[in-house]
Amino acid sequence: MHQMSLADELAQVRAELARLKLREARLRAAVLAAPDAVPPGRWSQVAVVESLTRVFDPSLLPQDLREDPRFMRERRVVMVKTLPVQAQPSSPRPGWPIRRVAPEPAALH
């Protein structure tokens, strides 16, 4: 059995998550667009719940306060990206691309 590399498995899981998130967004939109309550399913039912929350908005502060270093802090962010594998032009795969010499034309007698 072929063991999948960590990079390939991570990329595959992320692709599946993206597919599921898109499906969730479409289902959510359908629920919100339904003119009547969505009838319960066999195992689940949906409820649309709305709430109101107070949120701090720094853009409402004066500009000098927003730029004051005393109110700043650093935050480290670590990201793990998945990128497609591409051959480097400086170090191509050995023997690639295959170069075939064109056959010499047959001599005419």
N, C-alpha and C. Protein backbone atom coordinates (compact mmCIF):
# COMPACT_ATOMS: atom_id res chain seq x y z
N MET A 1 0.84 -1.18 0.00
CA MET A 1 0.00 0.00 0.00
C MET A 1 0.88 1.25 0.00
N HIS A 2 0.52 2.21 -0.80
CA HIS A 2 1.30 3.44 -0.94
C HIS A 2 1.01 4.38 0.23
N GLN A 3 2.06 4.82 0.91
CA GLN A 3 1.91 5.76 2.02
C GLN A 3 1.92 7.18 1.45
N MET A 4 0.89 7.95 1.77
CA MET A 4 0.79 9.32 1.28
C MET A 4 1.71 10.22 2.11
N SER A 5 2.37 11.15 1.45
CA SER A 5 3.25 12.07 2.17
C SER A 5 2.40 13.03 3.00
N LEU A 6 3.01 13.62 4.03
CA LEU A 6 2.31 14.59 4.86
C LEU A 6 1.81 15.77 4.02
N ALA A 7 2.65 16.23 3.09
CA ALA A 7 2.27 17.38 2.26
C ALA A 7 1.06 17.04 1.40
N ASP A 8 1.07 15.87 0.76
CA ASP A 8 -0.04 15.48 -0.11
C ASP A 8 -1.32 15.26 0.69
N GLU A 9 -1.19 14.62 1.87
CA GLU A 9 -2.38 14.37 2.68
C GLU A 9 -2.98 15.68 3.19
N LEU A 10 -2.12 16.61 3.62
CA LEU A 10 -2.60 17.91 4.09
C LEU A 10 -3.32 18.65 2.97
N ALA A 11 -2.75 18.64 1.78
CA ALA A 11 -3.39 19.30 0.64
C ALA A 11 -4.73 18.66 0.33
N GLN A 12 -4.79 17.34 0.41
CA GLN A 12 -6.02 16.62 0.13
C GLN A 12 -7.10 16.94 1.18
N VAL A 13 -6.73 16.98 2.44
CA VAL A 13 -7.68 17.30 3.51
C VAL A 13 -8.18 18.74 3.34
N ARG A 14 -7.29 19.66 3.01
CA ARG A 14 -7.71 21.05 2.81
C ARG A 14 -8.65 21.19 1.62
N ALA A 15 -8.41 20.44 0.56
CA ALA A 15 -9.32 20.48 -0.59
C ALA A 15 -10.70 19.95 -0.20
N GLU A 16 -10.74 18.89 0.59
CA GLU A 16 -12.02 18.33 1.04
C GLU A 16 -12.73 19.32 1.97
N LEU A 17 -11.99 19.98 2.86
CA LEU A 17 -12.59 20.99 3.73
C LEU A 17 -13.18 22.14 2.91
N ALA A 18 -12.47 22.57 1.89
CA ALA A 18 -12.97 23.65 1.03
C ALA A 18 -14.26 23.23 0.33
N ARG A 19 -14.30 21.98 -0.14
CA ARG A 19 -15.50 21.46 -0.79
C ARG A 19 -16.67 21.44 0.19
N LEU A 20 -16.42 20.98 1.41
CA LEU A 20 -17.46 20.91 2.43
C LEU A 20 -17.93 22.31 2.86
N LYS A 21 -17.00 23.27 2.98
CA LYS A 21 -17.39 24.63 3.35
C LYS A 21 -18.27 25.26 2.28
N LEU A 22 -17.95 24.99 1.02
CA LEU A 22 -18.78 25.50 -0.07
C LEU A 22 -20.17 24.87 -0.01
N ARG A 23 -20.24 23.57 0.24
CA ARG A 23 -21.53 22.89 0.36
C ARG A 23 -22.32 23.45 1.55
N GLU A 24 -21.64 23.68 2.68
CA GLU A 24 -22.30 24.26 3.84
C GLU A 24 -22.86 25.64 3.52
N ALA A 25 -22.10 26.47 2.82
CA ALA A 25 -22.56 27.82 2.48
C ALA A 25 -23.80 27.76 1.60
N ARG A 26 -23.83 26.84 0.67
CA ARG A 26 -25.00 26.71 -0.21
C ARG A 26 -26.22 26.23 0.58
N LEU A 27 -26.03 25.26 1.47
CA LEU A 27 -27.14 24.78 2.28
C LEU A 27 -27.65 25.87 3.22
N ARG A 28 -26.74 26.62 3.82
CA ARG A 28 -27.12 27.71 4.72
C ARG A 28 -27.93 28.76 3.97
N ALA A 29 -27.47 29.10 2.77
CA ALA A 29 -28.21 30.08 1.96
C ALA A 29 -29.61 29.57 1.63
N ALA A 30 -29.72 28.28 1.34
CA ALA A 30 -31.03 27.71 1.04
C ALA A 30 -31.95 27.76 2.26
N VAL A 31 -31.40 27.51 3.44
CA VAL A 31 -32.20 27.58 4.67
C VAL A 31 -32.68 29.01 4.89
N LEU A 32 -31.78 29.98 4.74
CA LEU A 32 -32.14 31.37 4.98
C LEU A 32 -33.11 31.90 3.93
N ALA A 33 -33.07 31.36 2.72
CA ALA A 33 -33.97 31.80 1.65
C ALA A 33 -35.32 31.11 1.68
N ALA A 34 -35.44 30.07 2.48
CA ALA A 34 -36.71 29.32 2.54
C ALA A 34 -37.82 30.23 3.06
N PRO A 35 -38.95 30.28 2.35
CA PRO A 35 -40.04 31.17 2.79
C PRO A 35 -40.69 30.71 4.09
N ASP A 36 -40.67 29.43 4.35
CA ASP A 36 -41.25 28.88 5.59
C ASP A 36 -40.16 28.15 6.36
N ALA A 37 -40.48 27.75 7.57
CA ALA A 37 -39.52 26.99 8.37
C ALA A 37 -39.16 25.69 7.64
N VAL A 38 -37.92 25.33 7.72
CA VAL A 38 -37.46 24.09 7.07
C VAL A 38 -37.95 22.91 7.91
N PRO A 39 -38.64 21.98 7.29
CA PRO A 39 -39.12 20.82 8.07
C PRO A 39 -37.95 19.99 8.58
N PRO A 40 -38.12 19.36 9.75
CA PRO A 40 -37.02 18.55 10.29
C PRO A 40 -36.72 17.36 9.40
N GLY A 41 -35.47 16.94 9.44
CA GLY A 41 -35.06 15.74 8.71
C GLY A 41 -35.22 14.53 9.59
N ARG A 42 -34.63 13.45 9.16
CA ARG A 42 -34.72 12.21 9.93
C ARG A 42 -33.91 12.30 11.23
N TRP A 43 -32.72 12.96 11.17
CA TRP A 43 -31.84 13.02 12.33
C TRP A 43 -31.62 14.43 12.86
N SER A 44 -31.96 15.44 12.08
CA SER A 44 -31.63 16.82 12.48
C SER A 44 -32.74 17.78 12.10
N GLN A 45 -32.70 18.91 12.78
CA GLN A 45 -33.57 20.02 12.39
C GLN A 45 -32.73 21.29 12.44
N VAL A 46 -33.18 22.32 11.75
CA VAL A 46 -32.43 23.58 11.75
C VAL A 46 -33.24 24.64 12.48
N ALA A 47 -32.53 25.53 13.13
CA ALA A 47 -33.13 26.69 13.78
C ALA A 47 -32.31 27.90 13.40
N VAL A 48 -32.94 28.95 12.96
CA VAL A 48 -32.25 30.19 12.64
C VAL A 48 -32.33 31.08 13.87
N VAL A 49 -31.18 31.40 14.44
CA VAL A 49 -31.11 32.18 15.67
C VAL A 49 -30.32 33.45 15.37
N GLU A 50 -30.86 34.58 15.74
CA GLU A 50 -30.18 35.86 15.52
C GLU A 50 -29.84 36.46 16.87
N SER A 51 -28.64 37.05 16.99
CA SER A 51 -28.23 37.68 18.24
C SER A 51 -27.53 38.99 17.93
N LEU A 52 -27.44 39.83 18.93
CA LEU A 52 -26.79 41.13 18.80
C LEU A 52 -25.64 41.18 19.80
N THR A 53 -24.45 41.57 19.33
CA THR A 53 -23.26 41.59 20.18
C THR A 53 -22.58 42.94 20.04
N ARG A 54 -22.06 43.44 21.14
CA ARG A 54 -21.27 44.67 21.09
C ARG A 54 -19.84 44.31 20.73
N VAL A 55 -19.25 45.07 19.80
CA VAL A 55 -17.90 44.79 19.31
C VAL A 55 -17.09 46.08 19.40
N PHE A 56 -15.87 45.96 19.90
CA PHE A 56 -14.97 47.12 19.96
C PHE A 56 -14.48 47.43 18.56
N ASP A 57 -14.62 48.68 18.14
CA ASP A 57 -14.20 49.11 16.81
C ASP A 57 -13.12 50.18 16.94
N PRO A 58 -11.84 49.80 16.78
CA PRO A 58 -10.76 50.77 16.95
C PRO A 58 -10.78 51.90 15.92
N SER A 59 -11.45 51.70 14.80
CA SER A 59 -11.49 52.76 13.78
C SER A 59 -12.26 53.98 14.27
N LEU A 60 -13.03 53.84 15.36
CA LEU A 60 -13.77 54.98 15.91
C LEU A 60 -12.90 55.84 16.82
N LEU A 61 -11.70 55.34 17.17
CA LEU A 61 -10.79 56.11 18.03
C LEU A 61 -10.08 57.17 17.20
N PRO A 62 -9.60 58.23 17.85
CA PRO A 62 -8.81 59.25 17.13
C PRO A 62 -7.55 58.61 16.52
N GLN A 63 -7.13 59.15 15.39
CA GLN A 63 -5.99 58.61 14.65
C GLN A 63 -4.73 58.54 15.52
N ASP A 64 -4.45 59.56 16.33
CA ASP A 64 -3.22 59.56 17.14
C ASP A 64 -3.22 58.42 18.16
N LEU A 65 -4.37 58.03 18.67
CA LEU A 65 -4.43 56.89 19.58
C LEU A 65 -4.22 55.57 18.83
N ARG A 66 -4.78 55.47 17.64
CA ARG A 66 -4.64 54.23 16.87
C ARG A 66 -3.19 53.98 16.45
N GLU A 67 -2.40 55.05 16.31
CA GLU A 67 -1.01 54.91 15.87
C GLU A 67 -0.01 54.96 17.03
N ASP A 68 -0.47 55.13 18.24
CA ASP A 68 0.41 55.24 19.41
C ASP A 68 1.01 53.86 19.72
N PRO A 69 2.36 53.74 19.68
CA PRO A 69 3.00 52.44 19.93
C PRO A 69 2.73 51.88 21.33
N ARG A 70 2.35 52.72 22.28
CA ARG A 70 2.05 52.22 23.62
C ARG A 70 0.84 51.28 23.62
N PHE A 71 0.02 51.40 22.61
CA PHE A 71 -1.19 50.58 22.53
C PHE A 71 -1.06 49.46 21.49
N MET A 72 0.15 49.22 21.06
CA MET A 72 0.40 48.17 20.05
C MET A 72 1.05 46.97 20.72
N ARG A 73 0.87 45.82 20.14
CA ARG A 73 1.58 44.62 20.56
C ARG A 73 1.83 43.79 19.32
N GLU A 74 2.85 42.96 19.40
CA GLU A 74 3.18 42.09 18.28
C GLU A 74 2.50 40.75 18.47
N ARG A 75 2.11 40.17 17.37
CA ARG A 75 1.50 38.84 17.42
C ARG A 75 2.16 38.00 16.33
N ARG A 76 2.66 36.85 16.72
CA ARG A 76 3.30 35.95 15.78
C ARG A 76 2.24 35.05 15.17
N VAL A 77 2.29 34.92 13.86
CA VAL A 77 1.37 34.06 13.13
C VAL A 77 2.20 33.04 12.37
N VAL A 78 1.89 31.77 12.58
CA VAL A 78 2.57 30.69 11.88
C VAL A 78 1.58 30.08 10.91
N MET A 79 1.94 30.05 9.64
CA MET A 79 1.06 29.50 8.61
C MET A 79 1.74 28.30 7.98
N VAL A 80 0.96 27.30 7.66
CA VAL A 80 1.45 26.15 6.91
C VAL A 80 0.72 26.18 5.58
N LYS A 81 1.45 26.40 4.51
CA LYS A 81 0.85 26.50 3.18
C LYS A 81 1.11 25.21 2.41
N THR A 82 0.18 24.85 1.56
CA THR A 82 0.41 23.74 0.64
C THR A 82 0.52 24.35 -0.75
N LEU A 83 1.57 24.00 -1.43
CA LEU A 83 1.84 24.53 -2.77
C LEU A 83 2.08 23.37 -3.73
N PRO A 84 1.69 23.54 -4.99
CA PRO A 84 1.97 22.47 -5.94
C PRO A 84 3.47 22.32 -6.16
N VAL A 85 3.90 21.10 -6.35
CA VAL A 85 5.31 20.84 -6.60
C VAL A 85 5.63 21.24 -8.04
N GLN A 86 6.69 22.00 -8.21
CA GLN A 86 7.11 22.43 -9.54
C GLN A 86 8.60 22.17 -9.67
N ALA A 87 8.98 21.66 -10.82
CA ALA A 87 10.41 21.42 -11.07
C ALA A 87 11.13 22.77 -11.13
N GLN A 88 12.27 22.82 -10.51
CA GLN A 88 13.06 24.03 -10.54
C GLN A 88 13.84 24.10 -11.85
N PRO A 89 13.82 25.24 -12.53
CA PRO A 89 14.54 25.33 -13.81
C PRO A 89 16.03 25.06 -13.67
N SER A 90 16.60 25.38 -12.52
CA SER A 90 18.04 25.19 -12.35
C SER A 90 18.41 23.73 -12.07
N SER A 91 17.45 22.94 -11.60
CA SER A 91 17.76 21.54 -11.30
C SER A 91 16.62 20.64 -11.78
N PRO A 92 16.53 20.44 -13.10
CA PRO A 92 15.46 19.59 -13.60
C PRO A 92 15.67 18.14 -13.21
N ARG A 93 14.60 17.39 -13.29
CA ARG A 93 14.68 15.96 -12.99
C ARG A 93 15.68 15.32 -13.95
N PRO A 94 16.56 14.44 -13.47
CA PRO A 94 17.56 13.83 -14.36
C PRO A 94 16.90 13.13 -15.55
N GLY A 95 17.42 13.42 -16.75
CA GLY A 95 16.90 12.79 -17.96
C GLY A 95 15.62 13.41 -18.46
N TRP A 96 15.19 14.52 -17.86
CA TRP A 96 13.94 15.14 -18.27
C TRP A 96 14.19 16.56 -18.72
N PRO A 97 13.61 17.05 -19.73
CA PRO A 97 12.76 16.31 -20.66
C PRO A 97 13.58 15.39 -21.54
N ILE A 98 12.95 14.34 -21.99
CA ILE A 98 13.65 13.37 -22.84
C ILE A 98 13.98 14.05 -24.16
N ARG A 99 15.24 13.98 -24.52
CA ARG A 99 15.67 14.59 -25.79
C ARG A 99 15.99 13.47 -26.76
N ARG A 100 15.25 13.43 -27.81
CA ARG A 100 15.49 12.41 -28.83
C ARG A 100 16.15 13.06 -30.03
N VAL A 101 17.16 12.41 -30.50
CA VAL A 101 17.85 12.92 -31.69
C VAL A 101 17.03 12.47 -32.90
N ALA A 102 16.75 13.40 -33.77
CA ALA A 102 15.99 13.05 -34.99
C ALA A 102 16.82 12.08 -35.83
N PRO A 103 16.18 11.02 -36.35
CA PRO A 103 16.93 10.07 -37.17
C PRO A 103 17.45 10.74 -38.43
N GLU A 104 18.64 10.33 -38.80
CA GLU A 104 19.24 10.90 -40.02
C GLU A 104 18.47 10.40 -41.23
N PRO A 105 18.25 11.24 -42.21
CA PRO A 105 17.53 10.78 -43.39
C PRO A 105 18.32 9.68 -44.11
N ALA A 106 17.58 8.73 -44.62
CA ALA A 106 18.22 7.60 -45.32
C ALA A 106 18.96 8.11 -46.56
N ALA A 107 20.15 7.55 -46.74
CA ALA A 107 20.93 7.97 -47.90
C ALA A 107 20.30 7.42 -49.19
N LEU A 108 20.26 8.24 -50.20
CA LEU A 108 19.73 7.81 -51.49
C LEU A 108 20.86 7.25 -52.33
N HIS A 109 20.71 6.06 -52.92
CA HIS A 109 21.76 5.45 -53.72
C HIS A 109 21.49 5.68 -55.16
